[in-house]
N, C-alpha and C. Protein backbone atom coordinates (compact mmCIF):
# COMPACT_ATOMS: atom_id res chain seq x y z
N MET A 1 -29.26 -11.58 14.80
CA MET A 1 -27.79 -11.18 13.78
C MET A 1 -27.14 -11.67 13.18
N THR A 2 -26.37 -11.85 11.76
CA THR A 2 -25.84 -12.52 11.09
C THR A 2 -24.59 -12.05 11.09
N GLY A 3 -24.68 -10.32 10.80
CA GLY A 3 -23.35 -9.95 10.36
C GLY A 3 -22.01 -9.84 11.78
N ALA A 4 -21.00 -9.30 11.10
CA ALA A 4 -19.72 -10.17 12.07
C ALA A 4 -19.34 -8.86 12.84
N ALA A 5 -18.46 -8.74 14.02
CA ALA A 5 -18.32 -7.96 14.89
C ALA A 5 -16.80 -8.72 14.83
N HIS A 6 -15.52 -7.56 15.31
CA HIS A 6 -14.38 -8.08 15.34
C HIS A 6 -13.32 -6.74 16.11
N GLY A 7 -12.66 -7.00 17.24
CA GLY A 7 -11.86 -5.89 17.47
C GLY A 7 -10.63 -6.26 16.99
N GLU A 8 -9.36 -5.54 16.98
CA GLU A 8 -8.04 -5.42 16.99
C GLU A 8 -7.58 -4.76 17.88
N VAL A 9 -6.52 -5.55 18.42
CA VAL A 9 -5.97 -4.71 19.48
C VAL A 9 -4.74 -3.78 18.63
N GLN A 10 -4.27 -2.42 19.73
CA GLN A 10 -3.25 -1.79 18.47
C GLN A 10 -2.84 -1.64 19.48
N VAL A 11 -3.10 -1.36 21.06
CA VAL A 11 -2.25 -1.12 22.17
C VAL A 11 -2.29 -1.64 23.14
N GLU A 12 -1.82 -1.92 23.66
CA GLU A 12 -1.55 -2.79 25.35
C GLU A 12 -0.76 -2.52 26.41
N ASN A 13 -0.63 -2.33 27.19
CA ASN A 13 0.58 -2.17 28.08
C ASN A 13 0.01 -2.04 29.35
N GLU A 14 0.72 -2.30 30.55
CA GLU A 14 0.52 -1.99 31.91
C GLU A 14 -1.14 -0.47 32.69
N ARG A 15 -0.68 0.24 30.98
CA ARG A 15 -1.72 1.44 31.65
C ARG A 15 -2.58 1.46 30.83
N MET A 16 -2.77 1.04 29.40
CA MET A 16 -4.10 1.23 28.70
C MET A 16 -3.75 -0.29 28.03
N ARG A 17 -5.42 -0.23 27.17
CA ARG A 17 -5.90 -1.11 26.50
C ARG A 17 -5.94 0.27 25.02
N VAL A 18 -5.94 0.00 23.58
CA VAL A 18 -6.49 0.84 23.20
C VAL A 18 -7.12 -0.48 21.36
N THR A 19 -8.37 -0.58 21.33
CA THR A 19 -9.07 -1.63 20.44
C THR A 19 -9.91 -0.74 19.28
N ARG A 20 -9.45 -1.23 18.12
CA ARG A 20 -10.45 -0.92 16.94
C ARG A 20 -11.24 -1.68 16.77
N TRP A 21 -12.72 -1.67 16.84
CA TRP A 21 -13.54 -2.01 16.61
C TRP A 21 -14.66 -2.30 15.62
N THR A 22 -15.06 -3.10 15.10
CA THR A 22 -16.23 -2.54 13.73
C THR A 22 -17.22 -3.83 13.55
N ILE A 23 -18.27 -3.36 13.18
CA ILE A 23 -19.23 -3.94 13.68
C ILE A 23 -19.82 -3.98 11.85
N GLU A 24 -20.07 -5.10 11.68
CA GLU A 24 -20.60 -4.87 10.59
C GLU A 24 -23.04 -5.22 10.42
N PRO A 25 -22.85 -4.18 9.39
CA PRO A 25 -24.45 -4.37 9.29
C PRO A 25 -24.94 -5.89 9.88
N GLY A 26 -26.03 -5.69 10.91
CA GLY A 26 -26.43 -7.36 11.60
C GLY A 26 -25.55 -7.91 12.38
N GLY A 27 -24.47 -6.84 12.92
CA GLY A 27 -23.31 -7.91 13.77
C GLY A 27 -23.15 -6.83 14.68
N THR A 28 -22.93 -8.51 16.24
CA THR A 28 -23.16 -7.99 17.64
C THR A 28 -21.62 -8.07 17.99
N ILE A 29 -21.30 -7.21 19.23
CA ILE A 29 -20.44 -7.97 19.57
C ILE A 29 -21.35 -8.08 21.02
N PRO A 30 -20.85 -9.52 21.14
CA PRO A 30 -21.76 -10.47 22.19
C PRO A 30 -21.36 -9.17 23.56
N MET A 31 -22.38 -9.95 24.55
CA MET A 31 -22.64 -9.31 25.53
C MET A 31 -20.89 -9.51 26.87
N HIS A 32 -21.09 -8.41 27.50
CA HIS A 32 -18.99 -8.12 28.11
C HIS A 32 -19.49 -6.63 29.17
N ARG A 33 -19.22 -7.39 29.81
CA ARG A 33 -18.58 -6.50 31.02
C ARG A 33 -16.97 -5.76 31.38
N HIS A 34 -17.49 -4.43 31.55
CA HIS A 34 -16.65 -3.45 31.22
C HIS A 34 -15.64 -3.39 32.63
N HIS A 35 -14.66 -4.07 32.63
CA HIS A 35 -13.98 -4.49 33.89
C HIS A 35 -12.70 -2.72 34.19
N HIS A 36 -12.65 -2.02 33.49
CA HIS A 36 -12.27 -0.46 33.37
C HIS A 36 -12.81 0.35 33.24
N ASP A 37 -12.71 1.68 33.42
CA ASP A 37 -13.44 3.23 32.80
C ASP A 37 -12.28 2.73 31.36
N TYR A 38 -13.22 3.81 30.45
CA TYR A 38 -13.10 3.66 28.92
C TYR A 38 -13.25 4.68 28.13
N ALA A 39 -12.72 4.94 27.20
CA ALA A 39 -13.97 5.81 26.21
C ALA A 39 -14.24 5.20 24.70
N VAL A 40 -14.64 5.81 24.57
CA VAL A 40 -15.21 5.20 22.49
C VAL A 40 -14.36 6.36 21.68
N VAL A 41 -13.88 6.17 20.94
CA VAL A 41 -13.75 7.33 19.68
C VAL A 41 -14.78 7.13 18.31
N PRO A 42 -16.05 7.09 18.38
CA PRO A 42 -16.28 7.03 16.49
C PRO A 42 -15.18 7.46 15.33
N LEU A 43 -15.03 6.41 14.44
CA LEU A 43 -14.04 6.84 13.27
C LEU A 43 -15.76 7.22 12.00
N MET A 44 -16.81 7.64 12.92
CA MET A 44 -17.60 7.34 11.59
C MET A 44 -19.04 8.02 12.42
N THR A 45 -20.13 8.21 11.73
CA THR A 45 -21.05 8.56 12.24
C THR A 45 -22.21 7.64 11.90
N GLY A 46 -22.80 7.50 13.11
CA GLY A 46 -23.27 6.64 12.60
C GLY A 46 -24.38 5.98 13.71
N THR A 47 -25.20 4.87 14.03
CA THR A 47 -26.07 4.34 15.38
C THR A 47 -25.46 3.40 15.59
N MET A 48 -25.91 2.47 17.30
CA MET A 48 -25.91 1.21 17.27
C MET A 48 -26.67 1.53 18.39
N VAL A 49 -26.60 -0.36 18.76
CA VAL A 49 -27.66 -0.42 20.19
C VAL A 49 -27.30 -0.78 21.09
N ALA A 50 -27.25 -0.49 22.38
CA ALA A 50 -27.00 -1.40 23.74
C ALA A 50 -28.11 -1.74 23.76
N VAL A 51 -27.74 -3.15 24.52
CA VAL A 51 -28.75 -4.28 25.30
C VAL A 51 -28.00 -4.74 26.45
N GLU A 52 -29.09 -4.22 27.41
CA GLU A 52 -28.32 -4.40 28.58
C GLU A 52 -28.68 -6.20 28.88
N PRO A 53 -28.53 -6.52 29.85
CA PRO A 53 -28.85 -7.67 30.57
C PRO A 53 -30.09 -8.06 30.49
N ASP A 54 -30.98 -7.01 31.14
CA ASP A 54 -31.64 -7.11 31.10
C ASP A 54 -33.07 -7.02 29.85
N GLY A 55 -32.47 -6.29 29.22
CA GLY A 55 -33.06 -6.78 27.42
C GLY A 55 -33.66 -5.07 27.62
N THR A 56 -32.75 -4.10 28.20
CA THR A 56 -33.50 -2.53 27.99
C THR A 56 -32.76 -2.41 27.12
N GLU A 57 -33.13 -1.38 25.53
CA GLU A 57 -31.98 -0.54 25.14
C GLU A 57 -31.82 0.18 24.46
N ILE A 58 -30.62 0.94 24.70
CA ILE A 58 -30.41 2.17 24.50
C ILE A 58 -29.68 2.59 23.39
N VAL A 59 -29.91 3.40 22.25
CA VAL A 59 -29.91 3.66 20.96
C VAL A 59 -28.53 4.71 21.46
N VAL A 60 -27.60 4.20 20.60
CA VAL A 60 -26.53 4.98 21.04
C VAL A 60 -25.89 5.64 19.05
N GLU A 61 -25.85 7.00 19.45
CA GLU A 61 -25.51 8.20 18.15
C GLU A 61 -24.55 8.45 18.43
N LEU A 62 -23.72 7.66 17.00
CA LEU A 62 -22.30 7.82 17.43
C LEU A 62 -22.23 9.12 16.54
N GLU A 63 -21.01 9.92 16.45
CA GLU A 63 -20.98 11.60 15.47
C GLU A 63 -19.09 10.90 15.69
N GLN A 64 -18.81 11.35 14.51
CA GLN A 64 -17.36 11.16 13.86
C GLN A 64 -16.63 12.30 13.94
N GLY A 65 -16.00 11.36 15.47
CA GLY A 65 -14.59 12.72 16.09
C GLY A 65 -15.23 12.65 17.29
N ARG A 66 -16.27 12.24 17.99
CA ARG A 66 -17.31 13.04 18.99
C ARG A 66 -16.93 11.89 20.25
N SER A 67 -16.33 11.91 20.92
CA SER A 67 -15.46 10.67 22.11
C SER A 67 -16.86 10.98 22.95
N TYR A 68 -16.64 9.81 24.10
CA TYR A 68 -17.77 9.89 25.28
C TYR A 68 -16.60 8.41 26.00
N ALA A 69 -17.27 8.58 27.41
CA ALA A 69 -16.27 8.12 28.41
C ALA A 69 -17.66 7.39 29.66
N ARG A 70 -17.16 6.03 30.14
CA ARG A 70 -18.36 5.79 30.69
C ARG A 70 -17.49 4.58 31.81
N GLU A 71 -17.79 5.01 33.20
CA GLU A 71 -17.06 3.97 34.14
C GLU A 71 -16.85 2.71 34.03
N ALA A 72 -15.72 1.77 35.01
CA ALA A 72 -16.26 0.65 35.12
C ALA A 72 -17.87 0.21 35.72
N GLY A 73 -17.85 -0.77 34.56
CA GLY A 73 -18.99 -1.83 35.43
C GLY A 73 -20.11 -2.02 34.48
N ALA A 74 -20.13 -1.12 33.32
CA ALA A 74 -21.52 -1.22 31.99
C ALA A 74 -20.99 -3.05 31.68
N GLU A 75 -22.27 -3.39 31.85
CA GLU A 75 -22.49 -4.46 31.35
C GLU A 75 -23.44 -4.32 29.87
N HIS A 76 -23.00 -4.59 28.85
CA HIS A 76 -24.09 -4.73 27.95
C HIS A 76 -23.43 -5.86 26.38
N ARG A 77 -24.25 -5.46 25.36
CA ARG A 77 -24.56 -6.28 24.19
C ARG A 77 -24.24 -5.63 23.34
N MET A 78 -23.44 -5.16 22.38
CA MET A 78 -23.40 -3.77 21.01
C MET A 78 -24.08 -4.90 19.34
N GLU A 79 -24.99 -3.71 19.38
CA GLU A 79 -26.13 -4.42 17.99
C GLU A 79 -25.93 -3.00 16.72
N HIS A 80 -25.80 -3.38 15.68
CA HIS A 80 -25.27 -3.00 14.44
C HIS A 80 -26.92 -3.12 13.76
N ARG A 81 -27.75 -2.32 13.13
CA ARG A 81 -28.53 -3.01 13.07
C ARG A 81 -29.72 -2.19 11.88
N GLY A 82 -28.18 -1.44 11.67
CA GLY A 82 -28.88 -1.05 9.99
C GLY A 82 -27.92 -1.97 9.33
N ASP A 83 -28.40 -1.40 7.95
CA ASP A 83 -27.87 -2.11 6.91
C ASP A 83 -27.18 -1.05 5.60
N GLY A 84 -26.54 -0.14 5.87
CA GLY A 84 -25.22 0.43 5.77
C GLY A 84 -24.08 0.16 5.37
N GLU A 85 -23.07 0.99 6.22
CA GLU A 85 -21.94 0.81 6.33
C GLU A 85 -21.40 0.69 8.04
N PRO A 86 -20.17 -0.47 8.06
CA PRO A 86 -20.20 -0.88 9.44
C PRO A 86 -19.90 0.45 10.24
N ILE A 87 -20.43 -0.11 11.34
CA ILE A 87 -19.85 0.49 12.51
C ILE A 87 -18.33 0.12 12.54
N VAL A 88 -17.62 1.83 13.27
CA VAL A 88 -16.02 1.77 13.44
C VAL A 88 -15.66 2.55 14.04
N PHE A 89 -15.35 2.46 15.70
CA PHE A 89 -14.94 2.84 16.32
C PHE A 89 -13.88 2.41 17.13
N VAL A 90 -12.93 3.40 18.21
CA VAL A 90 -11.56 2.94 18.67
C VAL A 90 -12.39 2.77 20.39
N GLU A 91 -11.92 2.18 21.08
CA GLU A 91 -12.11 1.63 22.61
C GLU A 91 -10.76 2.03 23.43
N VAL A 92 -10.97 3.56 24.45
CA VAL A 92 -9.40 3.25 24.74
C VAL A 92 -10.33 3.20 26.65
N GLU A 93 -9.23 1.91 26.59
CA GLU A 93 -9.38 1.51 28.29
C GLU A 93 -8.58 1.54 29.68
N ARG A 94 -8.36 2.71 30.54
CA ARG A 94 -7.49 3.09 31.17
C ARG A 94 -7.01 1.07 32.44
N LEU A 95 -6.42 0.66 32.33
CA LEU A 95 -6.01 0.11 33.22
C LEU A 95 -5.28 -0.02 34.44
N ASP A 96 -4.91 1.02 34.86
CA ASP A 96 -4.33 1.01 36.30
C ASP A 96 -5.39 1.82 36.49
């Protein structure tokens, strides 16, 4: 994977953190563990791949405006294997 990925924290306080993520084609968000429950709000429609520590791959189909939520403890790397537009989503973490 050669593309870039970056996150911009837009809101952070004692209760929540809101981060806008952009993954360019070929980009990866490195392996990480979610320490808090979180929701993802896709800002576009597209596909990314979650790769778990054991190598299991899960195809994640994003639909603009259709949110999903996960519990704390998820561990994965996120990849944009396409060659079109960037993957863009907002992640909202519940910190309390």
